[in-house]
């Protein structure tokens, strides 16, 4: 069987979000990581106002600090926060990390809507910035910093305006890809999602394509892991994985688009394949990384693997202008 298939990012999983909504990609990724969720009806309620306690949970979950929040549950420094309520641990963790503070009256106001200025301040602080890193008066200084980082492009809200759930999704999704503050001149840059413990991996094989591993194991460019999540990882897919030793406990949505072809004829590095009932040909592109049996290949050796029924999965780059890498089976 000769085939051509294209795989792209999935749509958002919530029943009340329009399929063409600009924020669906953000919702999909945050939902896959457990950072945002819907209600028991499968609704996201994109236009509902987000409360301060809900935002505390979101930022702590995004930072990978759920265990910290769990250990801090049962106490509170704010008189209006129930120490045994669902949000107390998240609020405590966000407070002790320096992400969030109480209100001028000494209370936290957990049920109050989070304002745009407060949300910008929390996200900027989560990236490691403090008051000494932003000049000027609050809240303009933190809003301007969030803008310079790229967290609020296209979002026009007044500083005191409450943040809706869809706006929060867009801002937090951008936070994941933003670089945290570099501590020193010799330190390398790291994105927020990497600092939260996620590792970007390419899926190079599974038990059907790689001998000697179990049906729940996957081979990546970072090693062999056991997939304990409920998400099936596609060959050739690039994902952010949260790891506990060799166990995958959380998986992002697929980061790349892929196309798979099956070779019908080959001569050196020129191949033919069938798609849409038409025979097409191509010369294997140079300048990209090729993998076979989880190992990188030199371009000069590709011809030895190009036989009838050889499968190749190509991964596009972010703007789909060229291929980024390819996996040969």
Protein backbone atom coordinates (compact mmCIF):
# COMPACT_ATOMS: atom_id res chain seq x y z
CA UNK A 1 0.00 0.00 0.00
CA UNK A 2 1.44 3.35 -1.05
CA UNK A 3 0.10 6.32 0.85
CA UNK A 4 0.62 9.94 1.79
CA UNK A 5 -0.63 11.28 5.10
CA UNK A 6 -0.34 14.65 6.76
CA UNK A 7 -0.70 15.12 10.52
CA UNK A 8 -1.24 18.52 12.09
CA UNK A 9 -2.12 19.87 15.51
CA UNK A 10 -5.48 18.80 16.89
CA UNK A 11 -8.29 21.25 17.51
CA UNK A 12 -9.26 22.29 21.02
CA UNK A 13 -11.15 19.63 22.91
CA UNK A 14 -13.86 21.81 24.47
CA UNK A 15 -17.45 21.72 23.25
CA UNK A 16 -18.14 25.45 23.60
CA UNK A 17 -15.14 26.85 21.71
CA UNK A 18 -15.67 27.67 18.02
CA UNK A 19 -13.50 25.50 15.73
CA UNK A 20 -12.06 28.63 14.12
CA UNK A 21 -11.24 30.42 17.40
CA UNK A 22 -7.79 31.96 17.32
CA UNK A 23 -7.06 30.68 20.83
CA UNK A 24 -7.76 26.99 20.09
CA UNK A 25 -4.09 26.13 19.67
CA UNK A 26 -3.30 27.59 23.10
CA UNK A 27 -6.21 25.72 24.69
CA UNK A 28 -5.14 22.46 23.09
CA UNK A 29 -1.60 22.64 24.43
CA UNK A 30 -2.56 23.83 27.91
CA UNK A 31 -5.29 21.20 28.20
CA UNK A 32 -2.89 18.44 27.09
CA UNK A 33 -0.49 19.48 29.86
CA UNK A 34 -3.24 19.69 32.48
CA UNK A 35 -2.73 23.43 32.98
CA UNK A 36 -6.27 24.35 31.92
CA UNK A 37 -9.41 22.23 32.08
CA UNK A 38 -13.11 22.48 31.42
CA UNK A 39 -16.12 21.65 33.54
CA UNK A 40 -17.96 18.34 33.85
CA UNK A 41 -19.90 19.14 30.66
CA UNK A 42 -16.71 19.49 28.62
CA UNK A 43 -17.11 23.27 28.40
CA UNK A 44 -14.25 25.73 28.70
CA UNK A 45 -16.40 28.87 29.18
CA UNK A 46 -13.91 31.09 27.30
CA UNK A 47 -15.58 34.38 28.19
CA UNK A 48 -15.97 33.75 31.93
CA UNK A 49 -13.80 35.89 34.19
CA UNK A 50 -10.86 34.13 35.78
CA UNK A 51 -10.55 34.48 39.57
CA UNK A 52 -7.37 35.15 41.51
CA UNK A 53 -7.36 31.68 43.08
CA UNK A 54 -7.87 30.05 39.67
CA UNK A 55 -4.95 32.02 38.27
CA UNK A 56 -2.78 30.92 41.21
CA UNK A 57 -3.51 27.29 40.36
CA UNK A 58 -2.79 27.83 36.66
CA UNK A 59 0.60 29.46 37.19
CA UNK A 60 1.71 26.88 39.76
CA UNK A 61 0.61 23.99 37.51
CA UNK A 62 2.37 25.56 34.52
CA UNK A 63 5.55 25.86 36.61
CA UNK A 64 5.38 22.16 37.53
CA UNK A 65 4.98 22.94 41.24
CA UNK A 66 1.87 20.86 42.03
CA UNK A 67 3.78 18.80 44.63
CA UNK A 68 4.89 21.99 46.33
CA UNK A 69 1.30 23.21 46.42
CA UNK A 70 0.17 19.91 47.90
CA UNK A 71 2.67 20.14 50.76
CA UNK A 72 1.61 23.73 51.53
CA UNK A 73 -2.09 22.93 51.78
CA UNK A 74 -3.59 23.19 55.28
CA UNK A 75 -2.32 26.62 56.27
CA UNK A 76 -2.75 30.19 55.08
CA UNK A 77 -1.41 33.66 55.71
CA UNK A 78 -4.54 35.31 54.33
CA UNK A 79 -7.63 35.55 56.56
CA UNK A 80 -10.03 35.13 53.64
CA UNK A 81 -8.45 31.90 52.31
CA UNK A 82 -9.72 28.62 53.74
CA UNK A 83 -6.57 26.68 54.76
CA UNK A 84 -8.25 23.42 53.74
CA UNK A 85 -9.89 24.75 50.58
CA UNK A 86 -8.83 23.44 47.15
CA UNK A 87 -6.85 26.60 46.34
CA UNK A 88 -4.91 27.16 49.56
CA UNK A 89 -1.83 25.17 48.52
CA UNK A 90 -1.65 26.87 45.12
CA UNK A 91 -2.02 30.32 46.67
CA UNK A 92 0.68 29.58 49.25
CA UNK A 93 3.05 28.24 46.60
CA UNK A 94 2.50 31.26 44.35
CA UNK A 95 3.01 33.60 47.30
CA UNK A 96 6.22 31.96 48.54
CA UNK A 97 7.61 31.83 44.98
CA UNK A 98 7.06 35.58 44.74
CA UNK A 99 4.61 35.30 41.85
CA UNK A 100 1.60 36.78 43.60
CA UNK A 101 0.86 38.96 46.62
CA UNK A 102 -2.10 39.91 48.75
CA UNK A 103 -4.20 43.04 48.35
CA UNK A 104 -3.56 46.31 50.25
CA UNK A 105 -6.09 45.29 52.92
CA UNK A 106 -4.03 42.19 53.80
CA UNK A 107 -6.52 39.82 52.22
CA UNK A 108 -6.15 37.74 49.08
CA UNK A 109 -9.66 38.11 47.61
CA UNK A 110 -9.60 34.62 46.03
CA UNK A 111 -13.00 34.90 44.32
CA UNK A 112 -12.25 38.30 42.79
CA UNK A 113 -11.46 38.47 39.07
CA UNK A 114 -7.77 38.70 38.23
CA UNK A 115 -7.02 42.04 36.61
CA UNK A 116 -4.93 42.48 33.48
CA UNK A 117 -2.25 44.31 35.48
CA UNK A 118 -2.12 41.56 38.10
CA UNK A 119 -1.92 38.82 35.46
CA UNK A 120 0.94 40.57 33.63
CA UNK A 121 2.80 41.05 36.90
CA UNK A 122 2.46 37.40 37.89
CA UNK A 123 3.62 36.08 34.51
CA UNK A 124 6.62 38.42 34.39
CA UNK A 125 7.62 37.44 37.93
CA UNK A 126 7.23 33.75 37.03
CA UNK A 127 9.95 34.32 34.41
CA UNK A 128 12.29 35.44 37.19
CA UNK A 129 11.98 39.22 36.93
CA UNK A 130 11.56 41.42 40.00
CA UNK A 131 10.83 45.09 40.68
CA UNK A 132 14.51 45.91 40.14
CA UNK A 133 14.27 44.65 36.54
CA UNK A 134 11.40 46.93 35.51
CA UNK A 135 11.65 50.70 35.61
CA UNK A 136 8.76 53.07 36.23
CA UNK A 137 5.59 52.76 38.25
CA UNK A 138 3.30 49.80 38.66
CA UNK A 139 1.33 48.61 36.78
CA UNK A 140 2.58 50.25 33.59
CA UNK A 141 6.11 48.92 34.12
CA UNK A 142 5.03 45.28 34.34
CA UNK A 143 2.56 45.62 31.46
CA UNK A 144 5.31 47.09 29.29
CA UNK A 145 7.65 44.27 30.30
CA UNK A 146 5.01 41.67 29.42
CA UNK A 147 4.61 43.39 26.07
CA UNK A 148 8.34 43.38 25.35
CA UNK A 149 8.50 39.66 26.16
CA UNK A 150 5.64 38.98 23.75
CA UNK A 151 3.05 37.80 26.27
CA UNK A 152 0.28 40.23 25.35
CA UNK A 153 0.60 40.87 21.61
CA UNK A 154 -2.85 41.60 20.20
CA UNK A 155 -4.47 41.83 23.64
CA UNK A 156 -5.90 45.26 24.42
CA UNK A 157 -7.17 45.49 27.98
CA UNK A 158 -7.10 48.27 30.55
CA UNK A 159 -4.92 47.62 33.58
CA UNK A 160 -7.92 47.16 35.89
CA UNK A 161 -9.98 45.15 33.42
CA UNK A 162 -10.71 41.55 34.42
CA UNK A 163 -9.07 38.78 32.37
CA UNK A 164 -11.31 36.21 30.68
CA UNK A 165 -10.40 32.55 30.46
CA UNK A 166 -9.51 32.64 26.76
CA UNK A 167 -7.20 35.63 27.26
CA UNK A 168 -5.51 33.80 30.12
CA UNK A 169 -5.00 30.78 27.84
CA UNK A 170 -3.24 32.89 25.21
CA UNK A 171 -1.00 34.64 27.75
CA UNK A 172 0.00 31.45 29.59
CA UNK A 173 0.63 29.59 26.33
CA UNK A 174 3.04 32.34 25.30
CA UNK A 175 4.63 32.18 28.74
CA UNK A 176 5.64 28.56 28.11
CA UNK A 177 7.77 29.60 25.12
CA UNK A 178 9.23 32.73 26.72
CA UNK A 179 12.80 32.65 28.04
CA UNK A 180 13.28 32.87 31.78
CA UNK A 181 15.61 35.52 33.12
CA UNK A 182 19.25 34.49 32.79
CA UNK A 183 20.93 34.55 36.21
CA UNK A 184 24.46 35.20 34.97
CA UNK A 185 26.45 35.92 31.80
CA UNK A 186 27.65 32.32 31.55
CA UNK A 187 24.19 30.78 31.93
CA UNK A 188 22.39 29.53 28.85
CA UNK A 189 18.86 30.63 28.00
CA UNK A 190 15.93 28.36 28.86
CA UNK A 191 12.25 28.60 28.10
CA UNK A 192 9.67 28.56 30.88
CA UNK A 193 8.38 25.13 29.87
CA UNK A 194 11.92 23.74 29.97
CA UNK A 195 12.50 25.31 33.38
CA UNK A 196 9.28 23.61 34.52
CA UNK A 197 10.87 20.24 33.82
CA UNK A 198 9.63 19.42 30.34
CA UNK A 199 11.99 17.94 27.74
CA UNK A 200 11.48 18.42 24.00
CA UNK A 201 11.75 15.06 22.25
CA UNK A 202 11.34 13.57 18.77
CA UNK A 203 9.59 10.19 18.63
CA UNK A 204 11.93 7.94 16.64
CA UNK A 205 10.40 4.52 17.20
CA UNK A 206 8.00 2.27 19.10
CA UNK A 207 7.63 -1.48 19.68
CA UNK A 208 6.40 -1.94 16.10
CA UNK A 209 9.45 -0.32 14.51
CA UNK A 210 12.16 -0.96 17.08
CA UNK A 211 13.09 -4.43 18.32
CA UNK A 212 13.56 -5.24 21.98
CA UNK A 213 11.23 -2.71 23.64
CA UNK A 214 7.80 -3.12 25.22
CA UNK A 215 4.51 -1.96 23.76
CA UNK A 216 4.43 1.05 26.10
CA UNK A 217 8.00 2.10 25.44
CA UNK A 218 9.05 4.71 22.91
CA UNK A 219 12.42 5.61 21.45
CA UNK A 220 13.28 9.32 21.31
CA UNK A 221 16.30 11.41 20.47
CA UNK A 222 16.75 11.77 24.25
CA UNK A 223 16.55 8.06 25.10
CA UNK A 224 13.99 5.29 25.67
CA UNK A 225 11.03 6.07 27.93
CA UNK A 226 7.91 4.33 29.20
CA UNK A 227 4.70 6.07 28.16
CA UNK A 228 2.41 6.05 31.21
CA UNK A 229 0.19 8.80 29.76
CA UNK A 230 -3.03 8.13 27.88
CA UNK A 231 -1.76 9.95 24.79
CA UNK A 232 -0.49 7.99 21.80
CA UNK A 233 2.76 9.48 20.55
CA UNK A 234 3.05 9.65 16.76
CA UNK A 235 6.21 8.57 15.00
CA UNK A 236 8.07 11.63 13.80
CA UNK A 237 6.20 13.83 16.25
CA UNK A 238 7.95 16.43 18.35
CA UNK A 239 6.54 16.76 21.88
CA UNK A 240 7.30 18.26 25.26
CA UNK A 241 7.46 15.39 27.76
CA UNK A 242 7.33 15.62 31.54
CA UNK A 243 9.42 12.78 32.92
CA UNK A 244 9.63 10.99 36.24
CA UNK A 245 12.78 8.94 35.79
CA UNK A 246 12.08 6.86 32.67
CA UNK A 247 8.30 7.33 32.90
CA UNK A 248 6.43 9.86 30.77
CA UNK A 249 3.77 11.40 33.00
CA UNK A 250 2.62 14.35 30.89
CA UNK A 251 2.68 15.05 27.15
CA UNK A 252 2.15 18.29 25.26
CA UNK A 253 0.21 18.40 22.03
CA UNK A 254 2.22 17.60 18.91
CA UNK A 255 4.49 20.52 18.07
CA UNK A 256 5.09 19.78 14.40
CA UNK A 257 3.32 18.78 11.21
CA UNK A 258 4.52 15.66 9.42
CA UNK A 259 4.08 13.96 6.07
CA UNK A 260 4.70 10.26 5.41
CA UNK A 261 5.58 8.70 2.08
CA UNK A 262 6.26 5.12 0.99
CA UNK A 263 8.98 4.65 -1.60
CA UNK A 264 7.97 2.83 -4.79
CA UNK A 265 11.28 3.17 -6.67
CA UNK A 266 14.69 4.57 -5.84
CA UNK A 267 17.89 5.40 -7.65
CA UNK A 268 20.64 6.77 -5.44
CA UNK A 269 18.96 9.59 -3.46
CA UNK A 270 16.18 10.12 -5.99
CA UNK A 271 12.93 8.40 -5.06
CA UNK A 272 9.43 7.93 -6.48
CA UNK A 273 6.22 7.58 -4.49
CA UNK A 274 2.47 7.60 -5.13
CA UNK A 275 0.10 10.22 -3.79
CA UNK A 276 -3.46 11.02 -4.83
CA UNK A 277 -3.17 8.32 -7.53
CA UNK A 278 -0.24 10.14 -9.07
CA UNK A 279 3.39 9.14 -9.24
CA UNK A 280 5.70 11.81 -7.90
CA UNK A 281 9.45 11.97 -7.52
CA UNK A 282 11.86 13.89 -5.35
CA UNK A 283 15.52 14.10 -4.51
CA UNK A 284 16.02 13.61 -0.79
CA UNK A 285 16.73 17.11 0.52
CA UNK A 286 20.12 17.97 1.93
CA UNK A 287 20.63 20.10 5.01
CA UNK A 288 18.17 18.24 7.24
CA UNK A 289 18.75 15.54 9.87
CA UNK A 290 17.92 11.94 8.94
CA UNK A 291 17.30 9.18 11.52
CA UNK A 292 17.29 5.40 11.12
CA UNK A 293 17.14 2.95 14.06
CA UNK A 294 17.25 6.01 16.36
CA UNK A 295 20.65 7.03 14.96
CA UNK A 296 21.55 10.08 12.88
CA UNK A 297 22.59 9.29 9.33
CA UNK A 298 25.09 10.83 6.99
CA UNK A 299 23.46 11.96 3.75
CA UNK A 300 25.86 9.84 1.70
CA UNK A 301 24.49 6.64 3.28
CA UNK A 302 20.80 7.24 2.52
CA UNK A 303 20.88 5.44 -0.82
CA UNK A 304 21.57 2.12 0.91
CA UNK A 305 18.20 2.37 2.70
CA UNK A 306 16.07 3.50 -0.24
CA UNK A 307 14.21 0.36 -1.28
CA UNK A 308 10.66 -0.40 -2.36
CA UNK A 309 8.28 0.03 0.62
CA UNK A 310 10.75 2.06 2.65
CA UNK A 311 8.72 4.58 4.68
CA UNK A 312 9.93 8.11 5.35
CA UNK A 313 8.31 10.56 7.76
CA UNK A 314 9.27 14.16 7.04
CA UNK A 315 8.76 16.88 9.64
CA UNK A 316 8.05 20.44 8.55
CA UNK A 317 9.59 23.44 10.26
CA UNK A 318 7.31 25.86 12.12
CA UNK A 319 6.17 27.87 9.08
CA UNK A 320 6.04 24.76 6.85
CA UNK A 321 8.45 26.32 4.36
CA UNK A 322 10.85 23.37 4.40
CA UNK A 323 11.53 20.03 6.05
CA UNK A 324 13.30 20.01 9.40
CA UNK A 325 14.17 16.32 9.83
CA UNK A 326 13.16 12.89 8.51
CA UNK A 327 12.84 9.39 9.97
CA UNK A 328 13.38 6.30 7.82
CA UNK A 329 11.72 2.91 8.49
